[in-house]
N, C-alpha and C. Protein backbone atom coordinates (compact mmCIF):
# COMPACT_ATOMS: atom_id res chain seq x y z
N MET A 1 0.72 -0.74 0.03
CA MET A 1 -0.25 -0.07 -0.47
C MET A 1 0.96 1.56 -0.09
N THR A 2 0.76 2.19 -1.02
CA THR A 2 1.04 3.15 -1.02
C THR A 2 0.50 4.63 -0.24
N ILE A 3 1.28 5.34 0.50
CA ILE A 3 0.39 6.55 1.41
C ILE A 3 0.80 7.68 0.82
N ALA A 4 0.18 8.17 0.34
CA ALA A 4 -0.61 9.33 0.06
C ALA A 4 0.74 10.75 0.74
N GLU A 5 1.40 11.66 0.07
CA GLU A 5 2.04 12.54 0.90
C GLU A 5 1.33 13.87 0.41
N VAL A 6 1.31 15.08 1.63
CA VAL A 6 0.81 16.68 0.92
C VAL A 6 1.23 16.37 -0.47
N GLY A 7 0.05 17.36 -0.94
CA GLY A 7 0.43 17.68 -2.18
C GLY A 7 -0.14 16.75 -2.88
N ASN A 8 -0.20 15.50 -2.77
CA ASN A 8 -0.71 14.68 -3.64
C ASN A 8 -2.41 14.58 -3.73
N ILE A 9 -2.97 13.84 -4.86
CA ILE A 9 -3.74 14.34 -5.70
C ILE A 9 -4.62 12.90 -5.96
N ILE A 10 -6.06 12.60 -4.70
CA ILE A 10 -5.87 10.80 -4.87
C ILE A 10 -7.77 11.28 -5.19
N GLU A 11 -7.71 9.88 -5.82
CA GLU A 11 -9.45 9.62 -6.34
C GLU A 11 -9.73 8.51 -4.86
N PHE A 12 -11.42 8.81 -4.43
CA PHE A 12 -11.55 7.91 -3.92
C PHE A 12 -13.16 8.01 -4.06
N LYS A 13 -13.79 6.85 -3.62
CA LYS A 13 -15.33 6.93 -3.33
C LYS A 13 -15.43 7.41 -4.35
N ASP A 14 -16.19 6.16 -5.96
CA ASP A 14 -17.18 6.72 -6.86
C ASP A 14 -16.15 7.78 -7.82
N GLY A 15 -15.02 8.54 -7.56
CA GLY A 15 -14.46 9.13 -8.09
C GLY A 15 -14.01 10.89 -7.94
N LEU A 16 -14.85 10.59 -6.59
CA LEU A 16 -14.32 11.90 -5.87
C LEU A 16 -12.93 12.29 -6.14
N GLN A 17 -12.63 12.87 -6.08
CA GLN A 17 -10.64 13.96 -5.67
C GLN A 17 -10.52 14.96 -4.89
N GLY A 18 -9.03 14.96 -4.63
CA GLY A 18 -9.16 16.11 -3.71
C GLY A 18 -7.64 16.06 -3.75
N ILE A 19 -7.67 16.84 -3.04
CA ILE A 19 -5.47 17.24 -2.31
C ILE A 19 -5.45 17.12 -0.91
N VAL A 20 -4.54 16.50 -1.01
CA VAL A 20 -3.94 16.25 0.69
C VAL A 20 -3.39 16.88 1.28
N GLU A 21 -4.25 17.30 2.29
CA GLU A 21 -4.00 18.53 3.10
C GLU A 21 -2.98 17.57 4.25
N LYS A 22 -2.77 16.70 4.85
CA LYS A 22 -2.66 16.11 5.86
C LYS A 22 -2.63 14.88 6.21
N VAL A 23 -1.21 14.14 6.60
CA VAL A 23 -0.84 12.49 6.28
C VAL A 23 -1.41 12.39 7.86
N ASN A 24 -2.34 11.62 8.43
CA ASN A 24 -2.26 10.71 9.55
C ASN A 24 -1.79 9.46 9.25
N GLU A 25 -1.68 8.51 11.04
CA GLU A 25 -1.29 7.21 11.14
C GLU A 25 -2.13 6.08 10.33
N ASN A 26 -3.44 5.99 10.08
CA ASN A 26 -4.01 5.85 9.36
C ASN A 26 -5.13 6.35 8.20
N SER A 27 -5.04 7.11 7.71
CA SER A 27 -5.62 8.22 7.04
C SER A 27 -4.68 9.97 6.50
N VAL A 28 -5.30 9.89 5.65
CA VAL A 28 -5.43 11.53 5.01
C VAL A 28 -6.39 12.60 5.60
N ILE A 29 -6.60 14.08 5.31
CA ILE A 29 -7.19 15.14 5.06
C ILE A 29 -7.32 15.39 3.79
N VAL A 30 -8.02 15.49 3.35
CA VAL A 30 -8.31 15.94 1.80
C VAL A 30 -9.00 16.75 1.33
N ASP A 31 -8.36 17.88 0.87
CA ASP A 31 -9.40 19.02 0.61
C ASP A 31 -10.16 18.83 -0.81
N LEU A 32 -11.54 18.97 -1.12
CA LEU A 32 -12.45 18.52 -1.89
C LEU A 32 -12.61 19.45 -3.02
N THR A 33 -12.11 21.18 -2.69
CA THR A 33 -12.48 22.15 -3.96
C THR A 33 -11.28 21.64 -4.42
N TYR A 34 -10.88 20.91 -5.00
CA TYR A 34 -9.87 20.85 -5.91
C TYR A 34 -11.18 20.49 -7.02
N MET A 35 -12.18 20.04 -7.22
CA MET A 35 -12.62 19.15 -8.61
C MET A 35 -13.51 20.75 -9.07
N GLU A 36 -13.50 20.41 -10.20
CA GLU A 36 -14.39 21.42 -11.01
C GLU A 36 -15.66 21.35 -10.54
N ASN A 37 -16.67 20.54 -9.74
CA ASN A 37 -18.36 20.33 -9.91
C ASN A 37 -18.39 20.40 -8.49
N PHE A 38 -17.32 21.29 -7.83
CA PHE A 38 -17.85 21.25 -6.53
C PHE A 38 -18.78 21.75 -5.64
N ASP A 39 -18.66 22.75 -6.12
CA ASP A 39 -20.46 23.50 -5.81
C ASP A 39 -21.57 22.72 -6.01
N ALA A 40 -21.59 22.29 -7.30
CA ALA A 40 -22.40 21.21 -7.56
C ALA A 40 -22.71 20.46 -6.43
N LEU A 41 -21.81 19.62 -6.25
CA LEU A 41 -22.08 18.54 -5.02
C LEU A 41 -23.06 18.70 -4.26
N GLN A 42 -21.68 19.90 -3.43
CA GLN A 42 -22.56 20.44 -2.55
C GLN A 42 -21.91 19.97 -0.76
N LEU A 43 -20.68 19.68 -1.22
CA LEU A 43 -20.17 18.25 0.08
C LEU A 43 -19.09 19.49 1.11
N GLU A 44 -18.69 19.09 1.91
CA GLU A 44 -18.47 19.95 2.69
C GLU A 44 -16.30 20.11 2.68
N GLU A 45 -16.00 20.92 2.83
CA GLU A 45 -14.69 20.91 2.24
C GLU A 45 -13.58 20.48 1.64
N LYS A 46 -14.05 19.74 3.09
CA LYS A 46 -12.73 18.71 3.64
C LYS A 46 -12.95 17.26 4.26
N THR A 47 -12.32 16.12 3.96
CA THR A 47 -12.80 15.07 4.66
C THR A 47 -11.65 13.89 5.01
N VAL A 48 -12.45 12.99 5.48
CA VAL A 48 -11.20 12.05 6.12
C VAL A 48 -10.68 11.05 5.13
N VAL A 49 -10.21 10.91 4.43
CA VAL A 49 -10.13 9.28 4.05
C VAL A 49 -9.13 8.24 4.49
N ASN A 50 -9.22 6.71 4.86
CA ASN A 50 -8.06 5.68 5.65
C ASN A 50 -7.26 5.52 3.70
N HIS A 51 -6.20 5.25 4.18
CA HIS A 51 -5.19 4.41 3.55
C HIS A 51 -5.89 4.07 2.62
N LYS A 52 -6.89 2.91 2.72
CA LYS A 52 -7.29 1.71 2.19
C LYS A 52 -8.04 1.84 1.14
N ARG A 53 -8.28 3.08 0.61
CA ARG A 53 -9.40 3.71 0.34
C ARG A 53 -9.65 4.56 -0.42
N TYR A 54 -8.31 4.92 -1.39
CA TYR A 54 -7.79 5.52 -1.69
C TYR A 54 -6.77 5.44 -3.22
N LYS A 55 -7.07 5.84 -3.92
CA LYS A 55 -6.22 5.60 -4.79
C LYS A 55 -5.15 6.92 -5.43
N ILE A 56 -3.33 7.11 -5.65
CA ILE A 56 -3.01 7.90 -5.96
C ILE A 56 -3.13 8.43 -7.23
N ILE A 57 -3.63 9.76 -7.75
CA ILE A 57 -4.11 9.98 -8.93
C ILE A 57 -2.70 10.87 -9.83
N HIS A 58 -1.77 12.25 -8.83
CA HIS A 58 -0.95 12.52 -9.38
C HIS A 58 0.30 12.86 -8.23
N LYS A 59 1.01 12.46 -8.53
CA LYS A 59 2.41 13.20 -7.28
C LYS A 59 2.57 14.53 -7.37
């Protein structure tokens, strides 16, 4: 399992994408405002994603 680093772009949960802001022991905190359709989705700006539940799109 590859763990994301701060600044990486990850994808998770059916295509949601975001920028990693903080790496914790078991998860990352992700800024979702990176997505072009962020406003239309009506999501919170940040979320927590377990290391097992994402893939790194861009380093």
